[in-house]
Amino acid sequence: LSRNTEYCQWEEIAVTKKDAQNRTYTEYSYLKTWRHRRIVSTFFDQPAAHHNPQRDPFPSSKFAADVANADIGEDGSTAVLSQEVIKNTRAPWRHVEWTLGALPRKSWFSSMFPSWFPDRTRYEKISELEGAESSIAARTEDFVYVGQGGYFFSSYQATLKGSMFKYFMQYLEGW
């Protein structure tokens, strides 16, 4: 199992220009984006107005099963695979998407050109996520399931000291 963590955060874009008197200045713009790594916003030109999450409660990780069953015959026979065999198995990963009734959502490309864009996604019933609200992530970090293919969300909650510092910095930035 591979868990890929992404963060919705601000990204600073700095563009250096020259004016009519040939003086150099920098213009800053900010864009909300999803990144697999945290972007440190402390050194932004406007850090208080563009605050990024500082915590990483569930970083990206890979997990191997202790034991797995594999179908080996048409008669329904299975074999038990040990953890050593599982770790040494190199298989391509597949995206898992939770949908109503485990039904695939067809894209325009895959329906027009099925041989060029085959769908390798594994579809699972959304009802199988029942109990996610009592998971460790939900209990300790306030994660909630938001759908759209298995996404979970945990909102940023600033401390009182952090909020006061942010308002002071916004005041200094000219807000």
C-alpha atoms as a PDB file:
ATOM      1  CA  LEU A   1       0.000   0.000   0.000  1.00  0.00           C
ATOM      2  CA  SER A   2       1.338   3.404  -0.907  1.00  0.00           C
ATOM      3  CA  ARG A   3      -0.026   6.507   0.884  1.00  0.00           C
ATOM      4  CA  ASN A   4       0.660   9.709  -1.059  1.00  0.00           C
ATOM      5  CA  THR A   5       0.164  12.815   1.068  1.00  0.00           C
ATOM      6  CA  GLU A   6      -0.387  16.194  -0.589  1.00  0.00           C
ATOM      7  CA  TYR A   7      -0.866  19.629   0.916  1.00  0.00           C
ATOM      8  CA  CYS A   8      -3.075  22.448  -0.356  1.00  0.00           C
ATOM      9  CA  GLN A   9      -0.829  25.451   0.181  1.00  0.00           C
ATOM     10  CA  TRP A  10       0.427  28.750  -1.114  1.00  0.00           C
ATOM     11  CA  GLU A  11       3.258  28.918  -3.632  1.00  0.00           C
ATOM     12  CA  GLU A  12       5.136  32.198  -4.116  1.00  0.00           C
ATOM     13  CA  ILE A  13       6.023  33.278  -7.643  1.00  0.00           C
ATOM     14  CA  ALA A  14       8.655  36.013  -7.865  1.00  0.00           C
ATOM     15  CA  VAL A  15       9.225  37.879 -11.126  1.00  0.00           C
ATOM     16  CA  THR A  16      12.104  40.367 -11.390  1.00  0.00           C
ATOM     17  CA  LYS A  17      11.540  43.324 -13.737  1.00  0.00           C
ATOM     18  CA  LYS A  18      13.134  46.631 -14.725  1.00  0.00           C
ATOM     19  CA  ASP A  19      11.335  49.951 -14.769  1.00  0.00           C
ATOM     20  CA  ALA A  20      11.792  52.911 -17.165  1.00  0.00           C
ATOM     21  CA  GLN A  21      14.782  54.196 -15.144  1.00  0.00           C
ATOM     22  CA  ASN A  22      16.429  50.743 -15.444  1.00  0.00           C
ATOM     23  CA  ARG A  23      15.897  49.978 -11.723  1.00  0.00           C
ATOM     24  CA  THR A  24      15.280  46.365 -10.809  1.00  0.00           C
ATOM     25  CA  TYR A  25      12.256  45.392  -8.709  1.00  0.00           C
ATOM     26  CA  THR A  26      10.501  42.133  -7.867  1.00  0.00           C
ATOM     27  CA  GLU A  27       6.766  41.459  -8.157  1.00  0.00           C
ATOM     28  CA  TYR A  28       5.313  38.678  -6.033  1.00  0.00           C
ATOM     29  CA  SER A  29       2.172  36.697  -6.770  1.00  0.00           C
ATOM     30  CA  TYR A  30       0.684  33.762  -4.896  1.00  0.00           C
ATOM     31  CA  LEU A  31      -1.036  30.652  -6.152  1.00  0.00           C
ATOM     32  CA  LYS A  32      -2.930  27.962  -4.195  1.00  0.00           C
ATOM     33  CA  THR A  33      -1.661  24.560  -5.287  1.00  0.00           C
ATOM     34  CA  TRP A  34      -1.362  20.912  -4.218  1.00  0.00           C
ATOM     35  CA  ARG A  35       2.208  19.730  -3.530  1.00  0.00           C
ATOM     36  CA  HIS A  36       3.557  16.438  -2.169  1.00  0.00           C
ATOM     37  CA  ARG A  37       6.001  18.322   0.059  1.00  0.00           C
ATOM     38  CA  ARG A  38       5.441  21.219   2.414  1.00  0.00           C
ATOM     39  CA  ILE A  39       6.376  24.697   1.189  1.00  0.00           C
ATOM     40  CA  VAL A  40       7.844  26.840   3.973  1.00  0.00           C
ATOM     41  CA  SER A  41       5.968  30.159   3.880  1.00  0.00           C
ATOM     42  CA  THR A  42       8.004  31.836   6.636  1.00  0.00           C
ATOM     43  CA  PHE A  43      10.320  33.520   4.128  1.00  0.00           C
ATOM     44  CA  PHE A  44       7.622  34.668   1.678  1.00  0.00           C
ATOM     45  CA  ASP A  45       7.423  38.382   0.898  1.00  0.00           C
ATOM     46  CA  GLN A  46       3.996  38.343   2.626  1.00  0.00           C
ATOM     47  CA  PRO A  47       4.182  35.388   5.038  1.00  0.00           C
ATOM     48  CA  ALA A  48       1.246  36.354   7.255  1.00  0.00           C
ATOM     49  CA  ALA A  49      -1.224  36.628   4.378  1.00  0.00           C
ATOM     50  CA  HIS A  50      -0.054  33.343   2.818  1.00  0.00           C
ATOM     51  CA  HIS A  51       0.361  30.847   5.650  1.00  0.00           C
ATOM     52  CA  ASN A  52       1.066  27.200   4.813  1.00  0.00           C
ATOM     53  CA  PRO A  53       0.490  24.190   7.098  1.00  0.00           C
ATOM     54  CA  GLN A  54       3.385  23.417   9.402  1.00  0.00           C
ATOM     55  CA  ARG A  55       2.305  19.977  10.543  1.00  0.00           C
ATOM     56  CA  ASP A  56       2.695  16.648   8.811  1.00  0.00           C
ATOM     57  CA  PRO A  57       0.481  14.214  10.747  1.00  0.00           C
ATOM     58  CA  PHE A  58       0.452  11.464   8.109  1.00  0.00           C
ATOM     59  CA  PRO A  59       3.470  11.714   5.761  1.00  0.00           C
ATOM     60  CA  SER A  60       3.688   9.708   2.553  1.00  0.00           C
ATOM     61  CA  SER A  61       4.619   6.091   3.311  1.00  0.00           C
ATOM     62  CA  LYS A  62       4.680   2.593   1.886  1.00  0.00           C
ATOM     63  CA  PHE A  63       3.300  -0.359   3.818  1.00  0.00           C
ATOM     64  CA  ALA A  64       3.780  -4.074   3.207  1.00  0.00           C
ATOM     65  CA  ALA A  65       1.218  -6.640   4.300  1.00  0.00           C
ATOM     66  CA  ASP A  66       2.273  -9.320   6.779  1.00  0.00           C
ATOM     67  CA  VAL A  67       0.472 -12.053   4.849  1.00  0.00           C
ATOM     68  CA  ALA A  68      -1.411 -12.095   1.542  1.00  0.00           C
ATOM     69  CA  ASN A  69      -3.462 -14.663  -0.365  1.00  0.00           C
ATOM     70  CA  ALA A  70      -2.988 -15.112  -4.089  1.00  0.00           C
ATOM     71  CA  ASP A  71      -5.360 -16.838  -6.487  1.00  0.00           C
ATOM     72  CA  ILE A  72      -3.296 -19.460  -8.322  1.00  0.00           C
ATOM     73  CA  GLY A  73      -5.811 -21.621 -10.081  1.00  0.00           C
ATOM     74  CA  GLU A  74      -9.051 -21.514 -11.997  1.00  0.00           C
ATOM     75  CA  ASP A  75     -10.559 -23.892  -9.445  1.00  0.00           C
ATOM     76  CA  GLY A  76     -10.379 -21.133  -6.781  1.00  0.00           C
ATOM     77  CA  SER A  77      -7.268 -22.457  -5.028  1.00  0.00           C
ATOM     78  CA  THR A  78      -5.118 -19.896  -3.215  1.00  0.00           C
ATOM     79  CA  ALA A  79      -1.599 -19.712  -1.858  1.00  0.00           C
ATOM     80  CA  VAL A  80      -0.456 -17.813   1.235  1.00  0.00           C
ATOM     81  CA  LEU A  81       2.464 -15.469   0.543  1.00  0.00           C
ATOM     82  CA  SER A  82       4.928 -14.630   3.311  1.00  0.00           C
ATOM     83  CA  GLN A  83       6.090 -11.094   4.099  1.00  0.00           C
ATOM     84  CA  GLU A  84       9.495 -11.860   2.523  1.00  0.00           C
ATOM     85  CA  VAL A  85       7.828 -12.796  -0.776  1.00  0.00           C
ATOM     86  CA  ILE A  86       5.557  -9.728  -0.601  1.00  0.00           C
ATOM     87  CA  LYS A  87       8.509  -7.352  -0.039  1.00  0.00           C
ATOM     88  CA  ASN A  88      10.407  -8.803  -3.010  1.00  0.00           C
ATOM     89  CA  THR A  89       7.426  -8.699  -5.366  1.00  0.00           C
ATOM     90  CA  ARG A  90       7.632  -5.915  -7.917  1.00  0.00           C
ATOM     91  CA  ALA A  91       4.162  -5.175  -9.207  1.00  0.00           C
ATOM     92  CA  PRO A  92       2.868  -1.970 -10.760  1.00  0.00           C
ATOM     93  CA  TRP A  93       0.698   0.080  -8.436  1.00  0.00           C
ATOM     94  CA  ARG A  94      -2.901   0.824  -9.256  1.00  0.00           C
ATOM     95  CA  HIS A  95      -4.944   3.785  -8.184  1.00  0.00           C
ATOM     96  CA  VAL A  96      -7.909   2.870  -5.984  1.00  0.00           C
ATOM     97  CA  GLU A  97     -11.047   4.970  -6.304  1.00  0.00           C
ATOM     98  CA  TRP A  98     -14.103   4.695  -4.083  1.00  0.00           C
ATOM     99  CA  THR A  99     -17.381   5.184  -5.975  1.00  0.00           C
ATOM    100  CA  LEU A 100     -21.043   4.338  -5.508  1.00  0.00           C
ATOM    101  CA  GLY A 101     -21.430   0.624  -6.255  1.00  0.00           C
ATOM    102  CA  ALA A 102     -17.738   0.404  -7.300  1.00  0.00           C
ATOM    103  CA  LEU A 103     -18.733   1.642 -10.760  1.00  0.00           C
ATOM    104  CA  PRO A 104     -16.052   3.271 -12.912  1.00  0.00           C
ATOM    105  CA  ARG A 105     -16.333   6.857 -14.084  1.00  0.00           C
ATOM    106  CA  LYS A 106     -15.466   6.895 -17.763  1.00  0.00           C
ATOM    107  CA  SER A 107     -13.407   9.773 -19.096  1.00  0.00           C
ATOM    108  CA  TRP A 108     -13.816  11.070 -22.619  1.00  0.00           C
ATOM    109  CA  PHE A 109     -10.355   9.808 -23.643  1.00  0.00           C
ATOM    110  CA  SER A 110     -10.837   6.304 -22.288  1.00  0.00           C
ATOM    111  CA  SER A 111     -14.244   5.929 -23.967  1.00  0.00           C
ATOM    112  CA  MET A 112     -13.001   7.231 -27.340  1.00  0.00           C
ATOM    113  CA  PHE A 113      -9.634   5.439 -27.335  1.00  0.00           C
ATOM    114  CA  PRO A 114      -9.894   2.467 -24.949  1.00  0.00           C
ATOM    115  CA  SER A 115      -6.796   0.715 -26.272  1.00  0.00           C
ATOM    116  CA  TRP A 116      -4.651   3.862 -25.982  1.00  0.00           C
ATOM    117  CA  PHE A 117      -5.900   4.897 -22.536  1.00  0.00           C
ATOM    118  CA  PRO A 118      -6.781   1.710 -20.649  1.00  0.00           C
ATOM    119  CA  ASP A 119      -8.337   2.161 -17.212  1.00  0.00           C
ATOM    120  CA  ARG A 120      -6.175   0.331 -14.670  1.00  0.00           C
ATOM    121  CA  THR A 121      -7.953   1.829 -11.664  1.00  0.00           C
ATOM    122  CA  ARG A 122      -9.327  -0.510  -9.027  1.00  0.00           C
ATOM    123  CA  TYR A 123     -12.853   0.545  -8.038  1.00  0.00           C
ATOM    124  CA  GLU A 124     -14.169  -0.130  -4.547  1.00  0.00           C
ATOM    125  CA  LYS A 125     -17.560   0.549  -2.976  1.00  0.00           C
ATOM    126  CA  ILE A 126     -17.659   3.793  -1.031  1.00  0.00           C
ATOM    127  CA  SER A 127     -19.610   1.985   1.692  1.00  0.00           C
ATOM    128  CA  GLU A 128     -16.386   0.074   2.530  1.00  0.00           C
ATOM    129  CA  LEU A 129     -14.965   3.298   3.969  1.00  0.00           C
ATOM    130  CA  GLU A 130     -17.493   3.049   6.773  1.00  0.00           C
ATOM    131  CA  GLY A 131     -15.681   3.543  10.048  1.00  0.00           C
ATOM    132  CA  ALA A 132     -13.209   6.101   8.686  1.00  0.00           C
ATOM    133  CA  GLU A 133     -14.712   8.629  11.117  1.00  0.00           C
ATOM    134  CA  SER A 134     -13.398   6.557  14.046  1.00  0.00           C
ATOM    135  CA  SER A 135      -9.900   5.985  12.615  1.00  0.00           C
ATOM    136  CA  ILE A 136      -6.720   7.220  14.309  1.00  0.00           C
ATOM    137  CA  ALA A 137      -6.447  10.036  11.740  1.00  0.00           C
ATOM    138  CA  ALA A 138      -9.996  11.201  12.462  1.00  0.00           C
ATOM    139  CA  ARG A 139      -9.646  10.990  16.237  1.00  0.00           C
ATOM    140  CA  THR A 140      -6.220  12.581  16.654  1.00  0.00           C
ATOM    141  CA  GLU A 141      -5.935  15.003  13.709  1.00  0.00           C
ATOM    142  CA  ASP A 142      -9.587  15.733  12.753  1.00  0.00           C
ATOM    143  CA  PHE A 143      -9.337  14.153   9.287  1.00  0.00           C
ATOM    144  CA  VAL A 144     -12.621  13.670   7.411  1.00  0.00           C
ATOM    145  CA  TYR A 145     -13.307  11.815   4.164  1.00  0.00           C
ATOM    146  CA  VAL A 146     -14.223  14.244   1.365  1.00  0.00           C
ATOM    147  CA  GLY A 147     -14.645  11.779  -1.504  1.00  0.00           C
ATOM    148  CA  GLN A 148     -13.272  12.370  -4.985  1.00  0.00           C
ATOM    149  CA  GLY A 149     -11.294   9.158  -5.163  1.00  0.00           C
ATOM    150  CA  GLY A 150     -10.164   8.659  -1.587  1.00  0.00           C
ATOM    151  CA  TYR A 151      -9.211  12.135  -0.366  1.00  0.00           C
ATOM    152  CA  PHE A 152      -9.148  13.025   3.305  1.00  0.00           C
ATOM    153  CA  PHE A 153      -8.965  16.557   4.670  1.00  0.00           C
ATOM    154  CA  SER A 154      -7.832  18.117   7.933  1.00  0.00           C
ATOM    155  CA  SER A 155      -8.277  21.858   8.284  1.00  0.00           C
ATOM    156  CA  TYR A 156      -5.572  24.076   9.705  1.00  0.00           C
ATOM    157  CA  GLN A 157      -6.371  25.292  13.199  1.00  0.00           C
ATOM    158  CA  ALA A 158      -4.138  28.087  14.441  1.00  0.00           C
ATOM    159  CA  THR A 159      -3.335  28.592  18.108  1.00  0.00           C
ATOM    160  CA  LEU A 160      -4.287  31.891  19.773  1.00  0.00           C
ATOM    161  CA  LYS A 161      -0.626  32.939  19.838  1.00  0.00           C
ATOM    162  CA  GLY A 162      -0.251  32.028  16.150  1.00  0.00           C
ATOM    163  CA  SER A 163      -3.374  33.986  15.209  1.00  0.00           C
ATOM    164  CA  MET A 164      -2.222  37.074  17.125  1.00  0.00           C
ATOM    165  CA  PHE A 165       1.204  36.891  15.464  1.00  0.00           C
ATOM    166  CA  LYS A 166      -0.443  36.547  12.032  1.00  0.00           C
ATOM    167  CA  TYR A 167      -2.662  39.610  12.602  1.00  0.00           C
ATOM    168  CA  PHE A 168       0.335  41.633  13.789  1.00  0.00           C
ATOM    169  CA  MET A 169       2.362  40.619  10.723  1.00  0.00           C
ATOM    170  CA  GLN A 170      -0.564  41.511   8.419  1.00  0.00           C
ATOM    171  CA  TYR A 171      -0.685  44.913  10.102  1.00  0.00           C
ATOM    172  CA  LEU A 172       3.038  45.383   9.404  1.00  0.00           C
ATOM    173  CA  GLU A 173       2.539  44.272   5.785  1.00  0.00           C
ATOM    174  CA  GLY A 174      -0.005  47.052   5.317  1.00  0.00           C
ATOM    175  CA  TRP A 175      -3.328  45.278   5.608  1.00  0.00           C
END
